[in-house]
Amino acid sequence: MVLRMSIRIAIVVLLSVLLGACLYWPGGSDPAGSRIKAEMEPVVSAARAYRAKYGAYPTSLDRLVPEFTASLPSRVALQYNAAEGSIGFIYSPSLWRGSVARCRTAIEKIEWVCSDYKL
């Protein structure tokens, strides 16, 4: 009986610690943000390949499909600026915290910069 209670307490403490840690992930560092950044890297590479072939970034990311990439991620709001040479996305973090996260990178050098915005 005491062993069962100790196990239950240990599980509750562990879950509390794990869930509490989720609240402090900066935008883009949570599991959802990491997964989306990985899904976006082929799109960034496709935009780079488009520029190498045509001399300029596409006017729209849709122009990358299907020649340079099979599809664009559909679960996030994509942000694209051809003149600036940047691609970004907005998403809801893994654990809803009353915020959304916005991540952007330059097409020529993938270095994601992410920030949180309170709703």
N, C-alpha and C. Protein backbone atom coordinates (compact mmCIF):
# COMPACT_ATOMS: atom_id res chain seq x y z
N MET A 1 0.82 -1.19 0.00
CA MET A 1 0.00 0.00 0.00
C MET A 1 0.87 1.26 0.00
N VAL A 2 1.88 1.29 0.86
CA VAL A 2 2.78 2.44 0.94
C VAL A 2 3.57 2.57 -0.36
N LEU A 3 3.97 1.43 -0.95
CA LEU A 3 4.70 1.45 -2.22
C LEU A 3 3.84 2.03 -3.33
N ARG A 4 2.57 1.64 -3.39
CA ARG A 4 1.66 2.17 -4.41
C ARG A 4 1.51 3.68 -4.26
N MET A 5 1.36 4.14 -3.05
CA MET A 5 1.21 5.57 -2.80
C MET A 5 2.48 6.32 -3.20
N SER A 6 3.64 5.76 -2.91
CA SER A 6 4.91 6.38 -3.28
C SER A 6 5.04 6.47 -4.80
N ILE A 7 4.63 5.43 -5.48
CA ILE A 7 4.69 5.43 -6.95
C ILE A 7 3.75 6.50 -7.50
N ARG A 8 2.55 6.60 -6.96
CA ARG A 8 1.60 7.62 -7.42
C ARG A 8 2.15 9.03 -7.20
N ILE A 9 2.73 9.25 -6.05
CA ILE A 9 3.30 10.56 -5.75
C ILE A 9 4.45 10.87 -6.71
N ALA A 10 5.29 9.87 -6.97
CA ALA A 10 6.42 10.06 -7.89
C ALA A 10 5.92 10.40 -9.29
N ILE A 11 4.87 9.74 -9.74
CA ILE A 11 4.30 10.00 -11.07
C ILE A 11 3.73 11.42 -11.13
N VAL A 12 3.01 11.81 -10.12
CA VAL A 12 2.43 13.17 -10.08
C VAL A 12 3.53 14.22 -10.09
N VAL A 13 4.58 14.01 -9.30
CA VAL A 13 5.69 14.96 -9.26
C VAL A 13 6.38 15.03 -10.62
N LEU A 14 6.63 13.89 -11.23
CA LEU A 14 7.29 13.85 -12.53
C LEU A 14 6.45 14.57 -13.58
N LEU A 15 5.17 14.29 -13.62
CA LEU A 15 4.30 14.96 -14.59
C LEU A 15 4.25 16.46 -14.34
N SER A 16 4.21 16.86 -13.11
CA SER A 16 4.19 18.29 -12.77
C SER A 16 5.46 18.98 -13.26
N VAL A 17 6.59 18.33 -13.05
CA VAL A 17 7.86 18.91 -13.50
C VAL A 17 7.89 19.00 -15.01
N LEU A 18 7.49 17.94 -15.70
CA LEU A 18 7.50 17.95 -17.16
C LEU A 18 6.55 18.99 -17.74
N LEU A 19 5.35 19.06 -17.21
CA LEU A 19 4.39 20.05 -17.70
C LEU A 19 4.83 21.46 -17.36
N GLY A 20 5.40 21.65 -16.20
CA GLY A 20 5.90 22.96 -15.82
C GLY A 20 7.02 23.42 -16.74
N ALA A 21 7.88 22.49 -17.13
CA ALA A 21 8.98 22.83 -18.04
C ALA A 21 8.44 23.28 -19.39
N CYS A 22 7.33 22.68 -19.83
CA CYS A 22 6.74 23.06 -21.12
C CYS A 22 6.34 24.53 -21.14
N LEU A 23 5.93 25.05 -20.01
CA LEU A 23 5.48 26.43 -19.94
C LEU A 23 6.61 27.42 -20.21
N TYR A 24 7.84 27.00 -20.07
CA TYR A 24 8.97 27.90 -20.20
C TYR A 24 9.77 27.70 -21.48
N TRP A 25 9.29 26.83 -22.40
CA TRP A 25 9.97 26.71 -23.68
C TRP A 25 9.80 28.00 -24.46
N PRO A 26 10.88 28.60 -24.90
CA PRO A 26 10.73 29.76 -25.76
C PRO A 26 10.15 29.34 -27.11
N GLY A 27 9.48 30.26 -27.79
CA GLY A 27 8.90 29.97 -29.09
C GLY A 27 9.90 29.32 -30.03
N GLY A 28 9.44 28.29 -30.71
CA GLY A 28 10.28 27.58 -31.66
C GLY A 28 11.10 26.46 -31.05
N SER A 29 11.20 26.40 -29.73
CA SER A 29 12.00 25.37 -29.07
C SER A 29 11.17 24.20 -28.56
N ASP A 30 9.86 24.36 -28.56
CA ASP A 30 8.99 23.27 -28.11
C ASP A 30 8.93 22.19 -29.20
N PRO A 31 8.40 21.02 -28.91
CA PRO A 31 8.36 19.95 -29.92
C PRO A 31 7.66 20.35 -31.22
N ALA A 32 6.54 21.07 -31.14
CA ALA A 32 5.84 21.48 -32.36
C ALA A 32 6.70 22.43 -33.18
N GLY A 33 7.32 23.41 -32.54
CA GLY A 33 8.18 24.35 -33.25
C GLY A 33 9.38 23.68 -33.90
N SER A 34 9.99 22.76 -33.19
CA SER A 34 11.13 22.02 -33.74
C SER A 34 10.71 21.20 -34.96
N ARG A 35 9.55 20.56 -34.86
CA ARG A 35 9.05 19.74 -35.97
C ARG A 35 8.74 20.62 -37.20
N ILE A 36 8.10 21.76 -36.97
CA ILE A 36 7.75 22.64 -38.10
C ILE A 36 9.01 23.22 -38.74
N LYS A 37 10.00 23.60 -37.93
CA LYS A 37 11.25 24.11 -38.51
C LYS A 37 11.88 23.05 -39.41
N ALA A 38 11.85 21.80 -38.98
CA ALA A 38 12.39 20.72 -39.81
C ALA A 38 11.59 20.56 -41.10
N GLU A 39 10.26 20.71 -41.02
CA GLU A 39 9.41 20.62 -42.21
C GLU A 39 9.63 21.80 -43.15
N MET A 40 10.04 22.94 -42.62
CA MET A 40 10.25 24.14 -43.43
C MET A 40 11.60 24.16 -44.14
N GLU A 41 12.57 23.42 -43.64
CA GLU A 41 13.89 23.47 -44.25
C GLU A 41 13.91 23.07 -45.73
N PRO A 42 13.14 22.04 -46.17
CA PRO A 42 13.08 21.76 -47.61
C PRO A 42 12.46 22.91 -48.41
N VAL A 43 11.53 23.65 -47.81
CA VAL A 43 10.93 24.79 -48.49
C VAL A 43 11.97 25.90 -48.67
N VAL A 44 12.75 26.14 -47.63
CA VAL A 44 13.82 27.15 -47.71
C VAL A 44 14.84 26.73 -48.77
N SER A 45 15.21 25.46 -48.78
CA SER A 45 16.15 24.95 -49.79
C SER A 45 15.56 25.07 -51.19
N ALA A 46 14.26 24.83 -51.32
CA ALA A 46 13.59 24.94 -52.62
C ALA A 46 13.62 26.39 -53.11
N ALA A 47 13.40 27.35 -52.21
CA ALA A 47 13.45 28.77 -52.60
C ALA A 47 14.86 29.14 -53.04
N ARG A 48 15.85 28.59 -52.37
CA ARG A 48 17.24 28.83 -52.75
C ARG A 48 17.53 28.25 -54.14
N ALA A 49 17.02 27.04 -54.40
CA ALA A 49 17.21 26.40 -55.71
C ALA A 49 16.48 27.18 -56.81
N TYR A 50 15.30 27.68 -56.49
CA TYR A 50 14.53 28.49 -57.46
C TYR A 50 15.35 29.72 -57.86
N ARG A 51 15.93 30.38 -56.87
CA ARG A 51 16.73 31.57 -57.14
C ARG A 51 17.96 31.23 -57.99
N ALA A 52 18.58 30.10 -57.68
CA ALA A 52 19.75 29.69 -58.47
C ALA A 52 19.38 29.45 -59.93
N LYS A 53 18.21 28.91 -60.17
CA LYS A 53 17.77 28.59 -61.53
C LYS A 53 17.24 29.82 -62.27
N TYR A 54 16.43 30.65 -61.60
CA TYR A 54 15.74 31.75 -62.27
C TYR A 54 16.31 33.14 -61.95
N GLY A 55 17.27 33.24 -61.04
CA GLY A 55 17.91 34.52 -60.76
C GLY A 55 17.21 35.40 -59.74
N ALA A 56 16.07 34.98 -59.24
CA ALA A 56 15.33 35.74 -58.23
C ALA A 56 14.47 34.77 -57.44
N TYR A 57 14.06 35.21 -56.24
CA TYR A 57 13.16 34.38 -55.46
C TYR A 57 11.78 34.38 -56.13
N PRO A 58 11.00 33.34 -55.93
CA PRO A 58 9.66 33.30 -56.55
C PRO A 58 8.77 34.40 -55.97
N THR A 59 7.78 34.82 -56.74
CA THR A 59 6.85 35.83 -56.25
C THR A 59 5.93 35.27 -55.17
N SER A 60 5.77 33.95 -55.17
CA SER A 60 4.94 33.25 -54.20
C SER A 60 5.56 31.89 -53.92
N LEU A 61 5.41 31.39 -52.71
CA LEU A 61 5.94 30.06 -52.39
C LEU A 61 5.23 28.96 -53.19
N ASP A 62 4.01 29.24 -53.63
CA ASP A 62 3.28 28.26 -54.46
C ASP A 62 4.03 27.94 -55.75
N ARG A 63 4.86 28.85 -56.21
CA ARG A 63 5.61 28.63 -57.46
C ARG A 63 6.71 27.57 -57.29
N LEU A 64 6.99 27.19 -56.05
CA LEU A 64 7.99 26.15 -55.79
C LEU A 64 7.45 24.75 -56.06
N VAL A 65 6.13 24.61 -56.02
CA VAL A 65 5.46 23.31 -56.16
C VAL A 65 5.07 23.10 -57.61
N PRO A 66 5.32 22.00 -58.24
CA PRO A 66 5.99 20.79 -57.78
C PRO A 66 7.45 20.70 -58.22
N GLU A 67 7.95 21.72 -58.95
CA GLU A 67 9.29 21.63 -59.50
C GLU A 67 10.39 21.53 -58.44
N PHE A 68 10.25 22.27 -57.34
CA PHE A 68 11.31 22.31 -56.35
C PHE A 68 10.98 21.61 -55.04
N THR A 69 9.70 21.46 -54.75
CA THR A 69 9.26 20.74 -53.55
C THR A 69 7.88 20.15 -53.82
N ALA A 70 7.60 19.02 -53.22
CA ALA A 70 6.33 18.33 -53.47
C ALA A 70 5.14 19.11 -52.95
N SER A 71 5.30 19.76 -51.79
CA SER A 71 4.19 20.51 -51.20
C SER A 71 4.72 21.50 -50.17
N LEU A 72 3.84 22.37 -49.75
CA LEU A 72 4.16 23.33 -48.69
C LEU A 72 3.46 22.88 -47.41
N PRO A 73 4.05 23.14 -46.25
CA PRO A 73 3.39 22.79 -45.00
C PRO A 73 2.03 23.50 -44.92
N SER A 74 1.01 22.77 -44.51
CA SER A 74 -0.33 23.34 -44.48
C SER A 74 -0.85 23.59 -43.07
N ARG A 75 -0.15 23.13 -42.06
CA ARG A 75 -0.63 23.26 -40.69
C ARG A 75 -0.24 24.57 -40.03
N VAL A 76 0.50 25.41 -40.73
CA VAL A 76 0.96 26.67 -40.15
C VAL A 76 0.66 27.82 -41.12
N ALA A 77 0.63 29.02 -40.59
CA ALA A 77 0.49 30.22 -41.42
C ALA A 77 1.88 30.59 -41.93
N LEU A 78 2.08 30.47 -43.23
CA LEU A 78 3.38 30.79 -43.83
C LEU A 78 3.50 32.28 -44.05
N GLN A 79 4.70 32.79 -43.87
CA GLN A 79 5.00 34.19 -44.14
C GLN A 79 6.21 34.20 -45.07
N TYR A 80 6.11 34.97 -46.14
CA TYR A 80 7.17 34.98 -47.14
C TYR A 80 7.38 36.40 -47.63
N ASN A 81 8.65 36.79 -47.75
CA ASN A 81 8.99 38.11 -48.25
C ASN A 81 10.12 37.92 -49.27
N ALA A 82 9.75 37.96 -50.56
CA ALA A 82 10.74 37.74 -51.62
C ALA A 82 11.79 38.85 -51.64
N ALA A 83 11.36 40.09 -51.45
CA ALA A 83 12.31 41.22 -51.49
C ALA A 83 13.33 41.13 -50.37
N GLU A 84 12.88 40.68 -49.21
CA GLU A 84 13.76 40.55 -48.04
C GLU A 84 14.53 39.23 -48.07
N GLY A 85 14.01 38.26 -48.82
CA GLY A 85 14.64 36.93 -48.86
C GLY A 85 14.45 36.18 -47.56
N SER A 86 13.21 36.20 -47.04
CA SER A 86 12.95 35.51 -45.78
C SER A 86 11.67 34.69 -45.84
N ILE A 87 11.65 33.67 -45.03
CA ILE A 87 10.49 32.79 -44.91
C ILE A 87 10.22 32.62 -43.42
N GLY A 88 8.94 32.56 -43.07
CA GLY A 88 8.58 32.36 -41.68
C GLY A 88 7.27 31.64 -41.53
N PHE A 89 6.90 31.41 -40.30
CA PHE A 89 5.62 30.76 -40.02
C PHE A 89 5.15 31.16 -38.63
N ILE A 90 3.84 31.05 -38.44
CA ILE A 90 3.22 31.30 -37.15
C ILE A 90 2.51 30.02 -36.75
N TYR A 91 2.65 29.63 -35.49
CA TYR A 91 2.04 28.38 -35.03
C TYR A 91 1.68 28.48 -33.55
N SER A 92 0.88 27.53 -33.10
CA SER A 92 0.55 27.42 -31.68
C SER A 92 1.52 26.46 -31.04
N PRO A 93 2.18 26.85 -29.97
CA PRO A 93 3.14 25.97 -29.30
C PRO A 93 2.51 24.66 -28.83
N SER A 94 3.35 23.68 -28.54
CA SER A 94 2.90 22.34 -28.14
C SER A 94 1.92 22.38 -26.98
N LEU A 95 2.23 23.15 -25.99
CA LEU A 95 1.34 23.29 -24.84
C LEU A 95 0.79 24.71 -24.90
N TRP A 96 -0.51 24.82 -25.11
CA TRP A 96 -1.10 26.13 -25.29
C TRP A 96 -0.85 26.98 -24.06
N ARG A 97 -0.26 28.14 -24.28
CA ARG A 97 0.09 29.03 -23.18
C ARG A 97 -0.58 30.39 -23.34
N GLY A 98 -1.61 30.45 -24.15
CA GLY A 98 -2.22 31.75 -24.41
C GLY A 98 -1.36 32.60 -25.32
N SER A 99 -0.56 31.94 -26.15
CA SER A 99 0.32 32.66 -27.05
C SER A 99 0.48 31.89 -28.35
N VAL A 100 1.01 32.58 -29.32
CA VAL A 100 1.44 31.94 -30.55
C VAL A 100 2.92 32.26 -30.71
N ALA A 101 3.58 31.52 -31.54
CA ALA A 101 5.00 31.78 -31.79
C ALA A 101 5.19 32.10 -33.27
N ARG A 102 6.11 32.98 -33.53
CA ARG A 102 6.45 33.37 -34.90
C ARG A 102 7.93 33.08 -35.10
N CYS A 103 8.25 32.36 -36.17
CA CYS A 103 9.64 32.04 -36.49
C CYS A 103 9.95 32.52 -37.90
N ARG A 104 11.15 33.06 -38.10
CA ARG A 104 11.59 33.54 -39.41
C ARG A 104 13.05 33.16 -39.62
N THR A 105 13.41 33.03 -40.90
CA THR A 105 14.80 32.80 -41.25
C THR A 105 15.09 33.45 -42.60
N ALA A 106 16.34 33.82 -42.79
CA ALA A 106 16.78 34.26 -44.11
C ALA A 106 16.91 33.02 -44.97
N ILE A 107 16.55 33.14 -46.23
CA ILE A 107 16.59 31.98 -47.13
C ILE A 107 18.03 31.52 -47.35
N GLU A 108 18.94 32.44 -47.48
CA GLU A 108 20.33 32.07 -47.78
C GLU A 108 21.05 31.40 -46.62
N LYS A 109 20.61 31.62 -45.42
CA LYS A 109 21.29 31.04 -44.27
C LYS A 109 20.24 30.69 -43.22
N ILE A 110 19.98 29.41 -43.07
CA ILE A 110 18.92 28.99 -42.15
C ILE A 110 19.38 29.17 -40.71
N GLU A 111 18.86 30.22 -40.09
CA GLU A 111 19.06 30.49 -38.67
C GLU A 111 17.73 31.00 -38.14
N TRP A 112 16.95 30.11 -37.60
CA TRP A 112 15.61 30.47 -37.15
C TRP A 112 15.66 31.41 -35.96
N VAL A 113 14.87 32.47 -36.03
CA VAL A 113 14.67 33.39 -34.92
C VAL A 113 13.19 33.32 -34.59
N CYS A 114 12.88 32.96 -33.36
CA CYS A 114 11.48 32.77 -32.96
C CYS A 114 11.16 33.64 -31.75
N SER A 115 9.90 34.06 -31.68
CA SER A 115 9.45 34.83 -30.52
C SER A 115 7.99 34.50 -30.24
N ASP A 116 7.60 34.69 -28.99
CA ASP A 116 6.23 34.43 -28.53
C ASP A 116 5.43 35.72 -28.55
N TYR A 117 4.14 35.57 -28.80
CA TYR A 117 3.22 36.68 -28.73
C TYR A 117 2.02 36.26 -27.91
N LYS A 118 1.67 37.02 -26.90
CA LYS A 118 0.50 36.71 -26.07
C LYS A 118 -0.75 37.04 -26.86
N LEU A 119 -1.76 36.20 -26.69
CA LEU A 119 -3.05 36.46 -27.34
C LEU A 119 -3.92 37.34 -26.49
